[in-house]
Amino acid sequence: MQGAPTDAMSFPSILQDQVPKGRDGKHKRIVTRLLRDIDRLKPGSALKVPLSALPDTKENIRSALNRATRQRGIDVATSSDAEFLYIWKAETKP
């Protein structure tokens, strides 16, 4: 019985310049809008985002926002109730 050559690749290869750069996930549009509004928040204020305006669950949007804010070095906090997701700049720790 003949087996596959031991040097065969399991997955195809492509040229590096064809590899997509950056993460343009399905949450990019809403996260970009949230980040823009967070940048404009006055101290002591919070965004009040209707859950009905979110393209996915609040948990998934929170996760995507958390990834984006960590990349940018922005500390934010969130809370929610049955109708809204609240987002504000967190106090920076000394």
N, C-alpha and C. Protein backbone atom coordinates (compact mmCIF):
# COMPACT_ATOMS: atom_id res chain seq x y z
N MET A 1 0.84 -1.18 0.00
CA MET A 1 0.00 0.00 0.00
C MET A 1 0.88 1.24 0.00
N GLN A 2 0.59 2.15 -0.88
CA GLN A 2 1.38 3.37 -0.99
C GLN A 2 0.76 4.48 -0.17
N GLY A 3 1.54 5.13 0.68
CA GLY A 3 1.07 6.25 1.49
C GLY A 3 1.42 7.56 0.83
N ALA A 4 0.92 8.62 1.39
CA ALA A 4 1.23 9.96 0.89
C ALA A 4 2.68 10.27 1.21
N PRO A 5 3.33 11.03 0.36
CA PRO A 5 4.73 11.40 0.64
C PRO A 5 4.81 12.13 1.98
N THR A 6 5.85 11.89 2.72
CA THR A 6 5.99 12.50 4.04
C THR A 6 6.26 13.99 3.98
N ASP A 7 6.70 14.49 2.83
CA ASP A 7 6.98 15.92 2.73
C ASP A 7 5.81 16.71 2.15
N ALA A 8 4.67 16.06 1.95
CA ALA A 8 3.50 16.76 1.40
C ALA A 8 2.93 17.72 2.44
N MET A 9 2.52 18.90 1.97
CA MET A 9 1.93 19.90 2.86
C MET A 9 0.46 19.56 3.10
N SER A 10 -0.02 19.86 4.28
CA SER A 10 -1.41 19.61 4.62
C SER A 10 -2.34 20.70 4.09
N PHE A 11 -1.80 21.92 3.90
CA PHE A 11 -2.61 23.05 3.46
C PHE A 11 -1.91 23.75 2.31
N PRO A 12 -2.69 24.40 1.45
CA PRO A 12 -2.08 25.12 0.33
C PRO A 12 -1.31 26.35 0.81
N SER A 13 -0.43 26.85 -0.02
CA SER A 13 0.32 28.06 0.32
C SER A 13 -0.03 29.17 -0.68
N ILE A 14 0.20 30.42 -0.23
CA ILE A 14 0.02 31.58 -1.09
C ILE A 14 1.20 32.51 -0.86
N LEU A 15 1.37 33.46 -1.74
CA LEU A 15 2.43 34.45 -1.57
C LEU A 15 2.07 35.38 -0.42
N GLN A 16 3.08 35.84 0.32
CA GLN A 16 2.83 36.68 1.49
C GLN A 16 2.10 37.97 1.14
N ASP A 17 2.38 38.52 -0.04
CA ASP A 17 1.70 39.78 -0.39
C ASP A 17 0.21 39.58 -0.68
N GLN A 18 -0.25 38.34 -0.73
CA GLN A 18 -1.66 38.05 -0.92
C GLN A 18 -2.40 37.83 0.41
N VAL A 19 -1.64 37.82 1.50
CA VAL A 19 -2.25 37.59 2.81
C VAL A 19 -2.97 38.86 3.24
N PRO A 20 -4.26 38.74 3.64
CA PRO A 20 -4.99 39.93 4.10
C PRO A 20 -4.32 40.52 5.33
N LYS A 21 -4.22 41.83 5.37
CA LYS A 21 -3.63 42.52 6.52
C LYS A 21 -4.73 43.15 7.33
N GLY A 22 -4.57 43.12 8.63
CA GLY A 22 -5.55 43.75 9.50
C GLY A 22 -6.77 42.87 9.68
N ARG A 23 -7.61 43.29 10.59
CA ARG A 23 -8.80 42.52 10.89
C ARG A 23 -10.02 43.36 10.54
N ASP A 24 -10.68 43.03 9.47
CA ASP A 24 -11.90 43.72 9.09
C ASP A 24 -13.07 42.79 9.36
N GLY A 25 -13.28 42.50 10.64
CA GLY A 25 -14.34 41.59 11.03
C GLY A 25 -15.71 42.20 10.86
N LYS A 26 -16.72 41.42 11.17
CA LYS A 26 -18.09 41.87 10.98
C LYS A 26 -18.49 42.98 11.93
N HIS A 27 -17.69 43.23 12.97
CA HIS A 27 -18.01 44.27 13.94
C HIS A 27 -17.26 45.57 13.68
N LYS A 28 -16.47 45.61 12.63
CA LYS A 28 -15.61 46.77 12.41
C LYS A 28 -16.40 48.07 12.31
N ARG A 29 -17.50 48.07 11.62
CA ARG A 29 -18.26 49.31 11.42
C ARG A 29 -18.78 49.87 12.76
N ILE A 30 -19.41 49.02 13.57
CA ILE A 30 -19.96 49.51 14.84
C ILE A 30 -18.84 49.88 15.81
N VAL A 31 -17.77 49.10 15.83
CA VAL A 31 -16.66 49.41 16.74
C VAL A 31 -15.99 50.72 16.35
N THR A 32 -15.85 50.97 15.07
CA THR A 32 -15.28 52.23 14.59
C THR A 32 -16.15 53.40 15.02
N ARG A 33 -17.46 53.26 14.90
CA ARG A 33 -18.38 54.33 15.33
C ARG A 33 -18.29 54.55 16.83
N LEU A 34 -18.25 53.45 17.60
CA LEU A 34 -18.15 53.58 19.05
C LEU A 34 -16.84 54.26 19.46
N LEU A 35 -15.74 53.86 18.84
CA LEU A 35 -14.45 54.47 19.17
C LEU A 35 -14.45 55.96 18.87
N ARG A 36 -15.05 56.34 17.77
CA ARG A 36 -15.13 57.77 17.41
C ARG A 36 -15.91 58.54 18.48
N ASP A 37 -17.02 57.96 18.92
CA ASP A 37 -17.83 58.63 19.95
C ASP A 37 -17.12 58.63 21.31
N ILE A 38 -16.42 57.55 21.64
CA ILE A 38 -15.67 57.48 22.90
C ILE A 38 -14.61 58.58 22.93
N ASP A 39 -13.95 58.80 21.80
CA ASP A 39 -12.94 59.87 21.72
C ASP A 39 -13.54 61.24 22.02
N ARG A 40 -14.81 61.42 21.73
CA ARG A 40 -15.47 62.72 21.90
C ARG A 40 -16.17 62.86 23.26
N LEU A 41 -16.17 61.80 24.05
CA LEU A 41 -16.85 61.86 25.35
C LEU A 41 -16.21 62.87 26.29
N LYS A 42 -17.04 63.61 26.96
CA LYS A 42 -16.56 64.53 28.00
C LYS A 42 -16.35 63.72 29.27
N PRO A 43 -15.42 64.14 30.12
CA PRO A 43 -15.21 63.43 31.39
C PRO A 43 -16.51 63.32 32.18
N GLY A 44 -16.75 62.16 32.74
CA GLY A 44 -17.95 61.93 33.53
C GLY A 44 -19.17 61.55 32.70
N SER A 45 -19.00 61.42 31.37
CA SER A 45 -20.12 61.05 30.49
C SER A 45 -19.96 59.63 30.00
N ALA A 46 -21.08 59.04 29.59
CA ALA A 46 -21.07 57.69 29.04
C ALA A 46 -21.93 57.64 27.78
N LEU A 47 -21.56 56.79 26.85
CA LEU A 47 -22.41 56.54 25.68
C LEU A 47 -23.57 55.68 26.12
N LYS A 48 -24.73 55.94 25.57
CA LYS A 48 -25.94 55.16 25.84
C LYS A 48 -26.39 54.59 24.50
N VAL A 49 -25.99 53.35 24.25
CA VAL A 49 -26.20 52.72 22.94
C VAL A 49 -27.39 51.76 23.03
N PRO A 50 -28.44 52.00 22.24
CA PRO A 50 -29.57 51.07 22.25
C PRO A 50 -29.12 49.68 21.78
N LEU A 51 -29.50 48.66 22.52
CA LEU A 51 -29.14 47.30 22.11
C LEU A 51 -29.72 46.97 20.74
N SER A 52 -30.85 47.57 20.43
CA SER A 52 -31.49 47.34 19.12
C SER A 52 -30.66 47.90 17.97
N ALA A 53 -29.71 48.81 18.26
CA ALA A 53 -28.86 49.39 17.22
C ALA A 53 -27.61 48.55 16.96
N LEU A 54 -27.38 47.53 17.78
CA LEU A 54 -26.19 46.70 17.64
C LEU A 54 -26.42 45.59 16.61
N PRO A 55 -25.42 45.32 15.77
CA PRO A 55 -25.58 44.29 14.74
C PRO A 55 -25.39 42.86 15.27
N ASP A 56 -25.07 42.72 16.55
CA ASP A 56 -24.82 41.41 17.14
C ASP A 56 -25.15 41.52 18.62
N THR A 57 -24.91 40.48 19.37
CA THR A 57 -25.20 40.51 20.80
C THR A 57 -24.30 41.52 21.51
N LYS A 58 -24.76 42.02 22.63
CA LYS A 58 -23.95 42.97 23.39
C LYS A 58 -22.64 42.33 23.84
N GLU A 59 -22.65 41.04 24.13
CA GLU A 59 -21.43 40.34 24.55
C GLU A 59 -20.39 40.33 23.43
N ASN A 60 -20.84 40.06 22.21
CA ASN A 60 -19.90 40.04 21.08
C ASN A 60 -19.38 41.44 20.75
N ILE A 61 -20.24 42.43 20.87
CA ILE A 61 -19.80 43.81 20.62
C ILE A 61 -18.83 44.25 21.71
N ARG A 62 -19.11 43.90 22.96
CA ARG A 62 -18.18 44.22 24.05
C ARG A 62 -16.82 43.59 23.79
N SER A 63 -16.80 42.34 23.36
CA SER A 63 -15.53 41.66 23.08
C SER A 63 -14.76 42.36 21.96
N ALA A 64 -15.46 42.69 20.89
CA ALA A 64 -14.81 43.38 19.77
C ALA A 64 -14.30 44.75 20.20
N LEU A 65 -15.09 45.47 20.98
CA LEU A 65 -14.68 46.78 21.48
C LEU A 65 -13.48 46.65 22.40
N ASN A 66 -13.49 45.64 23.24
CA ASN A 66 -12.37 45.41 24.17
C ASN A 66 -11.07 45.16 23.39
N ARG A 67 -11.13 44.35 22.36
CA ARG A 67 -9.93 44.10 21.53
C ARG A 67 -9.42 45.40 20.92
N ALA A 68 -10.34 46.19 20.38
CA ALA A 68 -9.96 47.43 19.70
C ALA A 68 -9.39 48.46 20.68
N THR A 69 -10.00 48.59 21.86
CA THR A 69 -9.50 49.59 22.80
C THR A 69 -8.16 49.17 23.39
N ARG A 70 -7.95 47.88 23.62
CA ARG A 70 -6.64 47.43 24.11
C ARG A 70 -5.55 47.72 23.09
N GLN A 71 -5.85 47.52 21.80
CA GLN A 71 -4.88 47.82 20.74
C GLN A 71 -4.51 49.30 20.74
N ARG A 72 -5.45 50.16 21.08
CA ARG A 72 -5.22 51.60 21.05
C ARG A 72 -4.81 52.17 22.39
N GLY A 73 -4.76 51.33 23.42
CA GLY A 73 -4.36 51.81 24.74
C GLY A 73 -5.40 52.67 25.42
N ILE A 74 -6.67 52.43 25.12
CA ILE A 74 -7.76 53.19 25.72
C ILE A 74 -8.43 52.31 26.77
N ASP A 75 -8.62 52.84 27.97
CA ASP A 75 -9.32 52.11 29.02
C ASP A 75 -10.79 52.51 29.01
N VAL A 76 -11.67 51.54 28.76
CA VAL A 76 -13.10 51.80 28.82
C VAL A 76 -13.77 50.81 29.75
N ALA A 77 -14.92 51.20 30.23
CA ALA A 77 -15.75 50.32 31.06
C ALA A 77 -17.13 50.27 30.40
N THR A 78 -17.84 49.19 30.67
CA THR A 78 -19.17 49.04 30.11
C THR A 78 -20.13 48.53 31.17
N SER A 79 -21.39 48.78 30.91
CA SER A 79 -22.47 48.24 31.72
C SER A 79 -23.66 48.12 30.78
N SER A 80 -24.68 47.42 31.21
CA SER A 80 -25.87 47.30 30.36
C SER A 80 -27.08 47.01 31.21
N ASP A 81 -28.23 47.29 30.61
CA ASP A 81 -29.49 46.88 31.19
C ASP A 81 -30.29 46.21 30.08
N ALA A 82 -31.57 46.09 30.22
CA ALA A 82 -32.38 45.37 29.24
C ALA A 82 -32.46 46.09 27.89
N GLU A 83 -32.17 47.39 27.87
CA GLU A 83 -32.34 48.15 26.64
C GLU A 83 -31.08 48.81 26.09
N PHE A 84 -30.09 49.06 26.95
CA PHE A 84 -28.94 49.85 26.51
C PHE A 84 -27.61 49.24 26.93
N LEU A 85 -26.59 49.54 26.14
CA LEU A 85 -25.19 49.27 26.49
C LEU A 85 -24.58 50.63 26.79
N TYR A 86 -23.99 50.75 27.96
CA TYR A 86 -23.35 52.00 28.38
C TYR A 86 -21.84 51.82 28.32
N ILE A 87 -21.17 52.82 27.76
CA ILE A 87 -19.71 52.75 27.59
C ILE A 87 -19.12 54.09 28.01
N TRP A 88 -18.05 54.03 28.81
CA TRP A 88 -17.38 55.26 29.23
C TRP A 88 -15.88 55.00 29.38
N LYS A 89 -15.15 56.10 29.38
CA LYS A 89 -13.70 56.01 29.62
C LYS A 89 -13.48 55.69 31.08
N ALA A 90 -12.71 54.65 31.33
CA ALA A 90 -12.42 54.25 32.71
C ALA A 90 -11.36 55.16 33.30
N GLU A 91 -11.39 55.27 34.61
CA GLU A 91 -10.37 56.03 35.31
C GLU A 91 -9.04 55.30 35.12
N THR A 92 -8.01 56.05 34.78
CA THR A 92 -6.70 55.44 34.64
C THR A 92 -6.09 55.24 36.03
N LYS A 93 -5.50 54.09 36.20
CA LYS A 93 -4.89 53.77 37.49
C LYS A 93 -3.46 54.27 37.54
N PRO A 94 -3.07 54.84 38.67
CA PRO A 94 -1.70 55.40 38.78
C PRO A 94 -0.64 54.32 38.75
